[in-house]
Amino acid sequence: MAPIACLLPGFSSAPETMHPWELSVKYYHARNGRAYVDSQAQKLSESFALPVMGSRTVTPKQSLLTAIHLVLKEHDPFKHSADLELKALVFMALNEQHLLSWVNLICKSGSLIEPHYQPWS
């Protein structure tokens, strides 16, 4: 049975794996990232390099959504690999000193992670 076990449909409880970049994009869509980035205030802020909310700081969630959008906008037209897009996101996180907060945000979205990753991973 072992030699043909790979041909049988999987009955294991192991979740379907997902590339971390795909998980980031899924987070972006689940949190309405497109609507946030396309808002009038966000577009004006981007055009004139002004803070969106006056003196209030940008939250990690807002900066993550903006970063994912920028990577999608800059890399998708060239059909770059998921690895390259993830690297771009990680470099942005490192440059903005938000890597830990962004990873925490994505890891806390249990409904996105549970179907694809083991609890111990």
PDB file of N, CA and C in Angstrom:
ATOM      1  N   MET A   1       0.820  -1.194   0.000  1.00  0.00           N
ATOM      2  CA  MET A   1       0.000   0.000   0.000  1.00  0.00           C
ATOM      3  C   MET A   1       0.863   1.257   0.000  1.00  0.00           C
ATOM      4  N   ALA A   2       2.022   1.206   0.616  1.00  0.00           N
ATOM      5  CA  ALA A   2       2.874   2.387   0.711  1.00  0.00           C
ATOM      6  C   ALA A   2       3.329   2.908  -0.650  1.00  0.00           C
ATOM      7  N   PRO A   3       3.733   2.038  -1.615  1.00  0.00           N
ATOM      8  CA  PRO A   3       4.202   2.584  -2.880  1.00  0.00           C
ATOM      9  C   PRO A   3       3.127   3.352  -3.653  1.00  0.00           C
ATOM     10  N   ILE A   4       1.875   2.967  -3.505  1.00  0.00           N
ATOM     11  CA  ILE A   4       0.838   3.686  -4.251  1.00  0.00           C
ATOM     12  C   ILE A   4       0.082   4.690  -3.384  1.00  0.00           C
ATOM     13  N   ALA A   5       0.521   4.852  -2.174  1.00  0.00           N
ATOM     14  CA  ALA A   5      -0.163   5.781  -1.271  1.00  0.00           C
ATOM     15  C   ALA A   5      -0.147   7.201  -1.814  1.00  0.00           C
ATOM     16  N   CYS A   6       0.891   7.540  -2.571  1.00  0.00           N
ATOM     17  CA  CYS A   6       0.959   8.900  -3.106  1.00  0.00           C
ATOM     18  C   CYS A   6      -0.081   9.135  -4.187  1.00  0.00           C
ATOM     19  N   LEU A   7      -0.627   8.060  -4.764  1.00  0.00           N
ATOM     20  CA  LEU A   7      -1.628   8.206  -5.816  1.00  0.00           C
ATOM     21  C   LEU A   7      -3.043   8.318  -5.269  1.00  0.00           C
ATOM     22  N   LEU A   8      -3.234   7.917  -4.033  1.00  0.00           N
ATOM     23  CA  LEU A   8      -4.558   7.978  -3.429  1.00  0.00           C
ATOM     24  C   LEU A   8      -4.873   9.402  -2.995  1.00  0.00           C
ATOM     25  N   PRO A   9      -6.145   9.770  -3.006  1.00  0.00           N
ATOM     26  CA  PRO A   9      -6.488  11.113  -2.532  1.00  0.00           C
ATOM     27  C   PRO A   9      -6.077  11.282  -1.082  1.00  0.00           C
ATOM     28  N   GLY A  10      -5.659  12.456  -0.759  1.00  0.00           N
ATOM     29  CA  GLY A  10      -5.161  12.717   0.591  1.00  0.00           C
ATOM     30  C   GLY A  10      -6.266  12.747   1.624  1.00  0.00           C
ATOM     31  N   PHE A  11      -6.089  11.958   2.655  1.00  0.00           N
ATOM     32  CA  PHE A  11      -7.035  11.950   3.760  1.00  0.00           C
ATOM     33  C   PHE A  11      -6.393  12.507   5.012  1.00  0.00           C
ATOM     34  N   SER A  12      -5.217  13.081   4.858  1.00  0.00           N
ATOM     35  CA  SER A  12      -4.534  13.573   6.051  1.00  0.00           C
ATOM     36  C   SER A  12      -5.152  14.888   6.494  1.00  0.00           C
ATOM     37  N   SER A  13      -4.920  15.199   7.747  1.00  0.00           N
ATOM     38  CA  SER A  13      -5.449  16.446   8.288  1.00  0.00           C
ATOM     39  C   SER A  13      -4.482  17.605   8.068  1.00  0.00           C
ATOM     40  N   ALA A  14      -3.406  17.365   7.319  1.00  0.00           N
ATOM     41  CA  ALA A  14      -2.427  18.423   7.063  1.00  0.00           C
ATOM     42  C   ALA A  14      -3.061  19.501   6.189  1.00  0.00           C
ATOM     43  N   PRO A  15      -2.883  20.740   6.549  1.00  0.00           N
ATOM     44  CA  PRO A  15      -3.485  21.814   5.768  1.00  0.00           C
ATOM     45  C   PRO A  15      -2.773  22.016   4.438  1.00  0.00           C
ATOM     46  N   GLU A  16      -3.499  22.596   3.498  1.00  0.00           N
ATOM     47  CA  GLU A  16      -2.913  22.932   2.205  1.00  0.00           C
ATOM     48  C   GLU A  16      -1.941  24.092   2.412  1.00  0.00           C
ATOM     49  N   THR A  17      -0.727  23.928   1.920  1.00  0.00           N
ATOM     50  CA  THR A  17       0.279  24.966   2.148  1.00  0.00           C
ATOM     51  C   THR A  17       0.033  26.170   1.248  1.00  0.00           C
ATOM     52  N   MET A  18       0.511  27.308   1.700  1.00  0.00           N
ATOM     53  CA  MET A  18       0.365  28.546   0.948  1.00  0.00           C
ATOM     54  C   MET A  18       1.653  29.349   1.104  1.00  0.00           C
ATOM     55  N   HIS A  19       2.097  29.940   0.020  1.00  0.00           N
ATOM     56  CA  HIS A  19       3.299  30.779   0.059  1.00  0.00           C
ATOM     57  C   HIS A  19       3.015  31.999   0.936  1.00  0.00           C
ATOM     58  N   PRO A  20       3.980  32.450   1.725  1.00  0.00           N
ATOM     59  CA  PRO A  20       3.757  33.612   2.596  1.00  0.00           C
ATOM     60  C   PRO A  20       3.316  34.866   1.835  1.00  0.00           C
ATOM     61  N   TRP A  21       3.793  35.047   0.600  1.00  0.00           N
ATOM     62  CA  TRP A  21       3.350  36.214  -0.171  1.00  0.00           C
ATOM     63  C   TRP A  21       1.860  36.105  -0.487  1.00  0.00           C
ATOM     64  N   GLU A  22       1.409  34.906  -0.861  1.00  0.00           N
ATOM     65  CA  GLU A  22      -0.011  34.703  -1.146  1.00  0.00           C
ATOM     66  C   GLU A  22      -0.846  34.968   0.102  1.00  0.00           C
ATOM     67  N   LEU A  23      -0.311  34.605   1.260  1.00  0.00           N
ATOM     68  CA  LEU A  23      -0.996  34.890   2.520  1.00  0.00           C
ATOM     69  C   LEU A  23      -1.089  36.395   2.749  1.00  0.00           C
ATOM     70  N   SER A  24      -0.032  37.123   2.413  1.00  0.00           N
ATOM     71  CA  SER A  24      -0.050  38.581   2.552  1.00  0.00           C
ATOM     72  C   SER A  24      -1.101  39.202   1.640  1.00  0.00           C
ATOM     73  N   VAL A  25      -1.195  38.705   0.422  1.00  0.00           N
ATOM     74  CA  VAL A  25      -2.192  39.218  -0.526  1.00  0.00           C
ATOM     75  C   VAL A  25      -3.598  38.883  -0.033  1.00  0.00           C
ATOM     76  N   LYS A  26      -3.755  37.696   0.518  1.00  0.00           N
ATOM     77  CA  LYS A  26      -5.053  37.307   1.069  1.00  0.00           C
ATOM     78  C   LYS A  26      -5.431  38.228   2.236  1.00  0.00           C
ATOM     79  N   TYR A  27      -4.463  38.579   3.070  1.00  0.00           N
ATOM     80  CA  TYR A  27      -4.686  39.521   4.168  1.00  0.00           C
ATOM     81  C   TYR A  27      -5.119  40.873   3.610  1.00  0.00           C
ATOM     82  N   TYR A  28      -4.438  41.328   2.561  1.00  0.00           N
ATOM     83  CA  TYR A  28      -4.744  42.607   1.912  1.00  0.00           C
ATOM     84  C   TYR A  28      -6.200  42.635   1.441  1.00  0.00           C
ATOM     85  N   HIS A  29      -6.635  41.563   0.800  1.00  0.00           N
ATOM     86  CA  HIS A  29      -8.016  41.506   0.306  1.00  0.00           C
ATOM     87  C   HIS A  29      -9.023  41.365   1.448  1.00  0.00           C
ATOM     88  N   ALA A  30      -8.681  40.588   2.465  1.00  0.00           N
ATOM     89  CA  ALA A  30      -9.597  40.393   3.594  1.00  0.00           C
ATOM     90  C   ALA A  30      -9.804  41.673   4.395  1.00  0.00           C
ATOM     91  N   ARG A  31      -8.794  42.525   4.426  1.00  0.00           N
ATOM     92  CA  ARG A  31      -8.879  43.778   5.192  1.00  0.00           C
ATOM     93  C   ARG A  31      -9.251  44.974   4.314  1.00  0.00           C
ATOM     94  N   ASN A  32      -9.780  44.694   3.122  1.00  0.00           N
ATOM     95  CA  ASN A  32     -10.215  45.745   2.184  1.00  0.00           C
ATOM     96  C   ASN A  32      -9.090  46.727   1.886  1.00  0.00           C
ATOM     97  N   GLY A  33      -7.925  46.196   1.611  1.00  0.00           N
ATOM     98  CA  GLY A  33      -6.764  47.021   1.322  1.00  0.00           C
ATOM     99  C   GLY A  33      -6.955  47.913   0.120  1.00  0.00           C
ATOM    100  N   ARG A  34      -7.627  47.403  -0.888  1.00  0.00           N
ATOM    101  CA  ARG A  34      -7.850  48.194  -2.106  1.00  0.00           C
ATOM    102  C   ARG A  34      -8.697  49.422  -1.799  1.00  0.00           C
ATOM    103  N   ALA A  35      -9.741  49.252  -1.012  1.00  0.00           N
ATOM    104  CA  ALA A  35     -10.610  50.385  -0.654  1.00  0.00           C
ATOM    105  C   ALA A  35      -9.835  51.407   0.168  1.00  0.00           C
ATOM    106  N   TYR A  36      -8.975  50.938   1.062  1.00  0.00           N
ATOM    107  CA  TYR A  36      -8.178  51.861   1.877  1.00  0.00           C
ATOM    108  C   TYR A  36      -7.221  52.667   1.004  1.00  0.00           C
ATOM    109  N   VAL A  37      -6.517  51.992   0.114  1.00  0.00           N
ATOM    110  CA  VAL A  37      -5.521  52.660  -0.720  1.00  0.00           C
ATOM    111  C   VAL A  37      -6.179  53.584  -1.737  1.00  0.00           C
ATOM    112  N   ASP A  38      -7.374  53.227  -2.196  1.00  0.00           N
ATOM    113  CA  ASP A  38      -8.068  54.044  -3.195  1.00  0.00           C
ATOM    114  C   ASP A  38      -8.866  55.194  -2.594  1.00  0.00           C
ATOM    115  N   SER A  39      -8.856  55.343  -1.272  1.00  0.00           N
ATOM    116  CA  SER A  39      -9.619  56.434  -0.652  1.00  0.00           C
ATOM    117  C   SER A  39      -9.031  57.780  -1.061  1.00  0.00           C
ATOM    118  N   GLN A  40      -9.875  58.804  -1.073  1.00  0.00           N
ATOM    119  CA  GLN A  40      -9.448  60.143  -1.489  1.00  0.00           C
ATOM    120  C   GLN A  40      -8.305  60.662  -0.617  1.00  0.00           C
ATOM    121  N   ALA A  41      -8.436  60.490   0.686  1.00  0.00           N
ATOM    122  CA  ALA A  41      -7.403  60.981   1.603  1.00  0.00           C
ATOM    123  C   ALA A  41      -6.063  60.307   1.326  1.00  0.00           C
ATOM    124  N   GLN A  42      -6.101  59.017   1.068  1.00  0.00           N
ATOM    125  CA  GLN A  42      -4.864  58.278   0.808  1.00  0.00           C
ATOM    126  C   GLN A  42      -4.226  58.733  -0.501  1.00  0.00           C
ATOM    127  N   LYS A  43      -5.036  58.976  -1.522  1.00  0.00           N
ATOM    128  CA  LYS A  43      -4.498  59.427  -2.811  1.00  0.00           C
ATOM    129  C   LYS A  43      -3.868  60.813  -2.694  1.00  0.00           C
ATOM    130  N   LEU A  44      -4.520  61.719  -1.966  1.00  0.00           N
ATOM    131  CA  LEU A  44      -3.946  63.048  -1.759  1.00  0.00           C
ATOM    132  C   LEU A  44      -2.650  62.963  -0.960  1.00  0.00           C
ATOM    133  N   SER A  45      -2.655  62.119   0.040  1.00  0.00           N
ATOM    134  CA  SER A  45      -1.460  61.940   0.862  1.00  0.00           C
ATOM    135  C   SER A  45      -0.295  61.446   0.015  1.00  0.00           C
ATOM    136  N   GLU A  46      -0.567  60.487  -0.850  1.00  0.00           N
ATOM    137  CA  GLU A  46       0.476  59.933  -1.710  1.00  0.00           C
ATOM    138  C   GLU A  46       0.970  60.974  -2.719  1.00  0.00           C
ATOM    139  N   SER A  47       0.054  61.756  -3.267  1.00  0.00           N
ATOM    140  CA  SER A  47       0.420  62.748  -4.283  1.00  0.00           C
ATOM    141  C   SER A  47       1.301  63.856  -3.731  1.00  0.00           C
ATOM    142  N   PHE A  48       0.974  64.319  -2.533  1.00  0.00           N
ATOM    143  CA  PHE A  48       1.681  65.465  -1.974  1.00  0.00           C
ATOM    144  C   PHE A  48       2.606  65.110  -0.812  1.00  0.00           C
ATOM    145  N   ALA A  49       2.781  63.822  -0.557  1.00  0.00           N
ATOM    146  CA  ALA A  49       3.649  63.340   0.527  1.00  0.00           C
ATOM    147  C   ALA A  49       3.279  63.971   1.865  1.00  0.00           C
ATOM    148  N   LEU A  50       1.987  64.008   2.140  1.00  0.00           N
ATOM    149  CA  LEU A  50       1.484  64.555   3.399  1.00  0.00           C
ATOM    150  C   LEU A  50       0.942  63.427   4.258  1.00  0.00           C
ATOM    151  N   PRO A  51       0.956  63.595   5.579  1.00  0.00           N
ATOM    152  CA  PRO A  51       0.337  62.573   6.431  1.00  0.00           C
ATOM    153  C   PRO A  51      -1.170  62.544   6.204  1.00  0.00           C
ATOM    154  N   VAL A  52      -1.742  61.358   6.225  1.00  0.00           N
ATOM    155  CA  VAL A  52      -3.162  61.200   5.937  1.00  0.00           C
ATOM    156  C   VAL A  52      -4.030  61.808   7.020  1.00  0.00           C
ATOM    157  N   MET A  53      -3.674  61.627   8.252  1.00  0.00           N
ATOM    158  CA  MET A  53      -4.549  62.015   9.346  1.00  0.00           C
ATOM    159  C   MET A  53      -3.974  63.160  10.165  1.00  0.00           C
ATOM    160  N   GLY A  54      -3.400  64.118   9.533  1.00  0.00           N
ATOM    161  CA  GLY A  54      -2.854  65.250  10.266  1.00  0.00           C
ATOM    162  C   GLY A  54      -1.663  64.840  11.103  1.00  0.00           C
ATOM    163  N   SER A  55      -1.768  65.037  12.401  1.00  0.00           N
ATOM    164  CA  SER A  55      -0.636  64.736  13.277  1.00  0.00           C
ATOM    165  C   SER A  55      -0.662  63.298  13.795  1.00  0.00           C
ATOM    166  N   ARG A  56      -1.751  62.571  13.550  1.00  0.00           N
ATOM    167  CA  ARG A  56      -1.818  61.180  14.016  1.00  0.00           C
ATOM    168  C   ARG A  56      -0.872  60.306  13.207  1.00  0.00           C
ATOM    169  N   THR A  57      -0.293  59.347  13.865  1.00  0.00           N
ATOM    170  CA  THR A  57       0.638  58.457  13.177  1.00  0.00           C
ATOM    171  C   THR A  57      -0.126  57.396  12.398  1.00  0.00           C
ATOM    172  N   VAL A  58       0.519  56.870  11.398  1.00  0.00           N
ATOM    173  CA  VAL A  58      -0.055  55.805  10.592  1.00  0.00           C
ATOM    174  C   VAL A  58       0.081  54.502  11.372  1.00  0.00           C
ATOM    175  N   THR A  59      -0.983  53.722  11.426  1.00  0.00           N
ATOM    176  CA  THR A  59      -0.958  52.461  12.164  1.00  0.00           C
ATOM    177  C   THR A  59      -0.188  51.403  11.371  1.00  0.00           C
ATOM    178  N   PRO A  60       0.295  50.370  12.046  1.00  0.00           N
ATOM    179  CA  PRO A  60       0.971  49.287  11.322  1.00  0.00           C
ATOM    180  C   PRO A  60       0.065  48.644  10.269  1.00  0.00           C
ATOM    181  N   LYS A  61      -1.222  48.516  10.572  1.00  0.00           N
ATOM    182  CA  LYS A  61      -2.148  47.934   9.597  1.00  0.00           C
ATOM    183  C   LYS A  61      -2.212  48.792   8.340  1.00  0.00           C
ATOM    184  N   GLN A  62      -2.292  50.103   8.508  1.00  0.00           N
ATOM    185  CA  GLN A  62      -2.352  50.999   7.354  1.00  0.00           C
ATOM    186  C   GLN A  62      -1.061  50.924   6.543  1.00  0.00           C
ATOM    187  N   SER A  63       0.071  50.915   7.228  1.00  0.00           N
ATOM    188  CA  SER A  63       1.341  50.858   6.500  1.00  0.00           C
ATOM    189  C   SER A  63       1.519  49.509   5.804  1.00  0.00           C
ATOM    190  N   LEU A  64       1.029  48.421   6.412  1.00  0.00           N
ATOM    191  CA  LEU A  64       1.105  47.108   5.776  1.00  0.00           C
ATOM    192  C   LEU A  64       0.242  47.064   4.526  1.00  0.00           C
ATOM    193  N   LEU A  65      -0.988  47.554   4.621  1.00  0.00           N
ATOM    194  CA  LEU A  65      -1.868  47.560   3.451  1.00  0.00           C
ATOM    195  C   LEU A  65      -1.270  48.388   2.321  1.00  0.00           C
ATOM    196  N   THR A  66      -0.690  49.524   2.661  1.00  0.00           N
ATOM    197  CA  THR A  66      -0.062  50.374   1.650  1.00  0.00           C
ATOM    198  C   THR A  66       1.141  49.673   1.026  1.00  0.00           C
ATOM    199  N   ALA A  67       1.948  49.016   1.837  1.00  0.00           N
ATOM    200  CA  ALA A  67       3.135  48.325   1.326  1.00  0.00           C
ATOM    201  C   ALA A  67       2.755  47.169   0.405  1.00  0.00           C
ATOM    202  N   ILE A  68       1.764  46.380   0.799  1.00  0.00           N
ATOM    203  CA  ILE A  68       1.324  45.272  -0.055  1.00  0.00           C
ATOM    204  C   ILE A  68       0.805  45.824  -1.376  1.00  0.00           C
ATOM    205  N   HIS A  69       0.049  46.916  -1.312  1.00  0.00           N
ATOM    206  CA  HIS A  69      -0.470  47.529  -2.535  1.00  0.00           C
ATOM    207  C   HIS A  69       0.677  47.987  -3.444  1.00  0.00           C
ATOM    208  N   LEU A  70       1.693  48.609  -2.869  1.00  0.00           N
ATOM    209  CA  LEU A  70       2.829  49.074  -3.672  1.00  0.00           C
ATOM    210  C   LEU A  70       3.559  47.910  -4.338  1.00  0.00           C
ATOM    211  N   VAL A  71       3.747  46.831  -3.603  1.00  0.00           N
ATOM    212  CA  VAL A  71       4.420  45.667  -4.184  1.00  0.00           C
ATOM    213  C   VAL A  71       3.569  45.083  -5.306  1.00  0.00           C
ATOM    214  N   LEU A  72       2.266  44.974  -5.085  1.00  0.00           N
ATOM    215  CA  LEU A  72       1.386  44.468  -6.138  1.00  0.00           C
ATOM    216  C   LEU A  72       1.441  45.363  -7.371  1.00  0.00           C
ATOM    217  N   LYS A  73       1.377  46.657  -7.146  1.00  0.00           N
ATOM    218  CA  LYS A  73       1.354  47.618  -8.253  1.00  0.00           C
ATOM    219  C   LYS A  73       2.667  47.603  -9.040  1.00  0.00           C
ATOM    220  N   GLU A  74       3.779  47.458  -8.349  1.00  0.00           N
ATOM    221  CA  GLU A  74       5.078  47.525  -9.012  1.00  0.00           C
ATOM    222  C   GLU A  74       5.546  46.193  -9.594  1.00  0.00           C
ATOM    223  N   HIS A  75       5.132  45.066  -9.024  1.00  0.00           N
ATOM    224  CA  HIS A  75       5.664  43.777  -9.452  1.00  0.00           C
ATOM    225  C   HIS A  75       4.711  42.958 -10.310  1.00  0.00           C
ATOM    226  N   ASP A  76       3.413  43.081 -10.114  1.00  0.00           N
ATOM    227  CA  ASP A  76       2.471  42.263 -10.877  1.00  0.00           C
ATOM    228  C   ASP A  76       2.534  42.483 -12.388  1.00  0.00           C
ATOM    229  N   PRO A  77       2.710  43.705 -12.874  1.00  0.00           N
ATOM    230  CA  PRO A  77       2.769  43.866 -14.337  1.00  0.00           C
ATOM    231  C   PRO A  77       3.909  43.076 -14.985  1.00  0.00           C
ATOM    232  N   PHE A  78       4.941  42.777 -14.222  1.00  0.00           N
ATOM    233  CA  PHE A  78       6.095  42.063 -14.762  1.00  0.00           C
ATOM    234  C   PHE A  78       6.053  40.571 -14.448  1.00  0.00           C
ATOM    235  N   LYS A  79       4.975  40.120 -13.835  1.00  0.00           N
ATOM    236  CA  LYS A  79       4.773  38.703 -13.501  1.00  0.00           C
ATOM    237  C   LYS A  79       5.936  38.135 -12.688  1.00  0.00           C
ATOM    238  N   HIS A  80       6.374  38.898 -11.687  1.00  0.00           N
ATOM    239  CA  HIS A  80       7.453  38.428 -10.824  1.00  0.00           C
ATOM    240  C   HIS A  80       6.971  37.278  -9.951  1.00  0.00           C
ATOM    241  N   SER A  81       7.906  36.478  -9.502  1.00  0.00           N
ATOM    242  CA  SER A  81       7.570  35.322  -8.673  1.00  0.00           C
ATOM    243  C   SER A  81       7.121  35.765  -7.284  1.00  0.00           C
ATOM    244  N   ALA A  82       6.446  34.855  -6.605  1.00  0.00           N
ATOM    245  CA  ALA A  82       5.989  35.134  -5.240  1.00  0.00           C
ATOM    246  C   ALA A  82       7.182  35.369  -4.313  1.00  0.00           C
ATOM    247  N   ASP A  83       8.283  34.665  -4.557  1.00  0.00           N
ATOM    248  CA  ASP A  83       9.482  34.867  -3.733  1.00  0.00           C
ATOM    249  C   ASP A  83      10.007  36.291  -3.861  1.00  0.00           C
ATOM    250  N   LEU A  84      10.060  36.794  -5.079  1.00  0.00           N
ATOM    251  CA  LEU A  84      10.571  38.143  -5.304  1.00  0.00           C
ATOM    252  C   LEU A  84       9.644  39.194  -4.689  1.00  0.00           C
ATOM    253  N   GLU A  85       8.341  38.983  -4.803  1.00  0.00           N
ATOM    254  CA  GLU A  85       7.393  39.930  -4.218  1.00  0.00           C
ATOM    255  C   GLU A  85       7.468  39.910  -2.693  1.00  0.00           C
ATOM    256  N   LEU A  86       7.655  38.722  -2.115  1.00  0.00           N
ATOM    257  CA  LEU A  86       7.814  38.629  -0.661  1.00  0.00           C
ATOM    258  C   LEU A  86       9.092  39.337  -0.213  1.00  0.00           C
ATOM    259  N   LYS A  87      10.161  39.167  -0.970  1.00  0.00           N
ATOM    260  CA  LYS A  87      11.413  39.862  -0.642  1.00  0.00           C
ATOM    261  C   LYS A  87      11.205  41.373  -0.655  1.00  0.00           C
ATOM    262  N   ALA A  88      10.480  41.863  -1.649  1.00  0.00           N
ATOM    263  CA  ALA A  88      10.224  43.305  -1.730  1.00  0.00           C
ATOM    264  C   ALA A  88       9.454  43.777  -0.502  1.00  0.00           C
ATOM    265  N   LEU A  89       8.462  42.997  -0.073  1.00  0.00           N
ATOM    266  CA  LEU A  89       7.684  43.363   1.110  1.00  0.00           C
ATOM    267  C   LEU A  89       8.556  43.341   2.370  1.00  0.00           C
ATOM    268  N   VAL A  90       9.395  42.331   2.495  1.00  0.00           N
ATOM    269  CA  VAL A  90      10.277  42.234   3.664  1.00  0.00           C
ATOM    270  C   VAL A  90      11.265  43.399   3.683  1.00  0.00           C
ATOM    271  N   PHE A  91      11.803  43.755   2.525  1.00  0.00           N
ATOM    272  CA  PHE A  91      12.730  44.898   2.473  1.00  0.00           C
ATOM    273  C   PHE A  91      12.031  46.191   2.864  1.00  0.00           C
ATOM    274  N   MET A  92      10.787  46.364   2.412  1.00  0.00           N
ATOM    275  CA  MET A  92      10.030  47.562   2.807  1.00  0.00           C
ATOM    276  C   MET A  92       9.818  47.570   4.317  1.00  0.00           C
ATOM    277  N   ALA A  93       9.484  46.407   4.873  1.00  0.00           N
ATOM    278  CA  ALA A  93       9.257  46.307   6.319  1.00  0.00           C
ATOM    279  C   ALA A  93      10.529  46.628   7.096  1.00  0.00           C
ATOM    280  N   LEU A  94      11.650  46.128   6.619  1.00  0.00           N
ATOM    281  CA  LEU A  94      12.916  46.413   7.292  1.00  0.00           C
ATOM    282  C   LEU A  94      13.270  47.893   7.202  1.00  0.00           C
ATOM    283  N   ASN A  95      13.071  48.488   6.037  1.00  0.00           N
ATOM    284  CA  ASN A  95      13.391  49.906   5.860  1.00  0.00           C
ATOM    285  C   ASN A  95      12.518  50.802   6.730  1.00  0.00           C
ATOM    286  N   GLU A  96      11.264  50.416   6.908  1.00  0.00           N
ATOM    287  CA  GLU A  96      10.343  51.215   7.722  1.00  0.00           C
ATOM    288  C   GLU A  96      10.347  50.786   9.185  1.00  0.00           C
ATOM    289  N   GLN A  97      11.143  49.766   9.512  1.00  0.00           N
ATOM    290  CA  GLN A  97      11.229  49.212  10.863  1.00  0.00           C
ATOM    291  C   GLN A  97       9.867  48.732  11.372  1.00  0.00           C
ATOM    292  N   HIS A  98       9.155  48.022  10.499  1.00  0.00           N
ATOM    293  CA  HIS A  98       7.834  47.500  10.843  1.00  0.00           C
ATOM    294  C   HIS A  98       7.729  45.986  10.677  1.00  0.00           C
ATOM    295  N   LEU A  99       8.835  45.310  10.470  1.00  0.00           N
ATOM    296  CA  LEU A  99       8.761  43.882  10.180  1.00  0.00           C
ATOM    297  C   LEU A  99       8.022  43.113  11.267  1.00  0.00           C
ATOM    298  N   LEU A 100       8.381  43.311  12.504  1.00  0.00           N
ATOM    299  CA  LEU A 100       7.753  42.585  13.605  1.00  0.00           C
ATOM    300  C   LEU A 100       6.260  42.884  13.701  1.00  0.00           C
ATOM    301  N   SER A 101       5.883  44.139  13.607  1.00  0.00           N
ATOM    302  CA  SER A 101       4.462  44.487  13.735  1.00  0.00           C
ATOM    303  C   SER A 101       3.657  43.941  12.558  1.00  0.00           C
ATOM    304  N   TRP A 102       4.229  43.936  11.353  1.00  0.00           N
ATOM    305  CA  TRP A 102       3.509  43.402  10.198  1.00  0.00           C
ATOM    306  C   TRP A 102       3.341  41.888  10.309  1.00  0.00           C
ATOM    307  N   VAL A 103       4.385  41.198  10.734  1.00  0.00           N
ATOM    308  CA  VAL A 103       4.283  39.746  10.903  1.00  0.00           C
ATOM    309  C   VAL A 103       3.254  39.425  11.982  1.00  0.00           C
ATOM    310  N   ASN A 104       3.246  40.193  13.069  1.00  0.00           N
ATOM    311  CA  ASN A 104       2.251  39.984  14.126  1.00  0.00           C
ATOM    312  C   ASN A 104       0.834  40.192  13.610  1.00  0.00           C
ATOM    313  N   LEU A 105       0.624  41.210  12.798  1.00  0.00           N
ATOM    314  CA  LEU A 105      -0.710  41.457  12.249  1.00  0.00           C
ATOM    315  C   LEU A 105      -1.199  40.270  11.429  1.00  0.00           C
ATOM    316  N   ILE A 106      -0.336  39.769  10.576  1.00  0.00           N
ATOM    317  CA  ILE A 106      -0.735  38.648   9.721  1.00  0.00           C
ATOM    318  C   ILE A 106      -0.927  37.383  10.550  1.00  0.00           C
ATOM    319  N   CYS A 107      -0.056  37.152  11.526  1.00  0.00           N
ATOM    320  CA  CYS A 107      -0.169  35.949  12.354  1.00  0.00           C
ATOM    321  C   CYS A 107      -1.403  35.968  13.246  1.00  0.00           C
ATOM    322  N   LYS A 108      -1.874  37.143  13.621  1.00  0.00           N
ATOM    323  CA  LYS A 108      -3.060  37.245  14.475  1.00  0.00           C
ATOM    324  C   LYS A 108      -4.357  37.065  13.703  1.00  0.00           C
ATOM    325  N   SER A 109      -4.287  37.036  12.390  1.00  0.00           N
ATOM    326  CA  SER A 109      -5.496  36.818  11.595  1.00  0.00           C
ATOM    327  C   SER A 109      -5.688  35.312  11.435  1.00  0.00           C
ATOM    328  N   GLY A 110      -6.155  34.692  12.487  1.00  0.00           N
ATOM    329  CA  GLY A 110      -6.279  33.241  12.553  1.00  0.00           C
ATOM    330  C   GLY A 110      -7.097  32.623  11.448  1.00  0.00           C
ATOM    331  N   SER A 111      -8.167  33.286  11.032  1.00  0.00           N
ATOM    332  CA  SER A 111      -9.020  32.717   9.994  1.00  0.00           C
ATOM    333  C   SER A 111      -8.287  32.593   8.665  1.00  0.00           C
ATOM    334  N   LEU A 112      -7.273  33.399   8.447  1.00  0.00           N
ATOM    335  CA  LEU A 112      -6.491  33.300   7.214  1.00  0.00           C
ATOM    336  C   LEU A 112      -5.399  32.247   7.319  1.00  0.00           C
ATOM    337  N   ILE A 113      -4.863  32.062   8.507  1.00  0.00           N
ATOM    338  CA  ILE A 113      -3.706  31.187   8.681  1.00  0.00           C
ATOM    339  C   ILE A 113      -4.100  29.732   8.928  1.00  0.00           C
ATOM    340  N   GLU A 114      -5.138  29.500   9.702  1.00  0.00           N
ATOM    341  CA  GLU A 114      -5.502  28.137  10.114  1.00  0.00           C
ATOM    342  C   GLU A 114      -5.663  27.151   8.960  1.00  0.00           C
ATOM    343  N   PRO A 115      -6.299  27.526   7.839  1.00  0.00           N
ATOM    344  CA  PRO A 115      -6.446  26.532   6.764  1.00  0.00           C
ATOM    345  C   PRO A 115      -5.140  26.164   6.062  1.00  0.00           C
ATOM    346  N   HIS A 116      -4.085  26.933   6.271  1.00  0.00           N
ATOM    347  CA  HIS A 116      -2.875  26.729   5.478  1.00  0.00           C
ATOM    348  C   HIS A 116      -1.627  26.374   6.275  1.00  0.00           C
ATOM    349  N   TYR A 117      -1.635  26.605   7.568  1.00  0.00           N
ATOM    350  CA  TYR A 117      -0.440  26.360   8.374  1.00  0.00           C
ATOM    351  C   TYR A 117      -0.792  25.565   9.623  1.00  0.00           C
ATOM    352  N   GLN A 118       0.148  24.716  10.048  1.00  0.00           N
ATOM    353  CA  GLN A 118      -0.027  23.963  11.282  1.00  0.00           C
ATOM    354  C   GLN A 118       0.060  24.927  12.460  1.00  0.00           C
ATOM    355  N   PRO A 119      -0.597  24.640  13.578  1.00  0.00           N
ATOM    356  CA  PRO A 119      -0.538  25.528  14.739  1.00  0.00           C
ATOM    357  C   PRO A 119       0.877  25.730  15.274  1.00  0.00           C
ATOM    358  N   TRP A 120       1.739  24.748  15.107  1.00  0.00           N
ATOM    359  CA  TRP A 120       3.098  24.851  15.638  1.00  0.00           C
ATOM    360  C   TRP A 120       4.043  25.616  14.713  1.00  0.00           C
ATOM    361  N   SER A 121       3.627  25.896  13.485  1.00  0.00           N
ATOM    362  CA  SER A 121       4.548  26.540  12.533  1.00  0.00           C
ATOM    363  C   SER A 121       4.617  28.042  12.716  1.00  0.00           C
TER     364      SER A 121
END
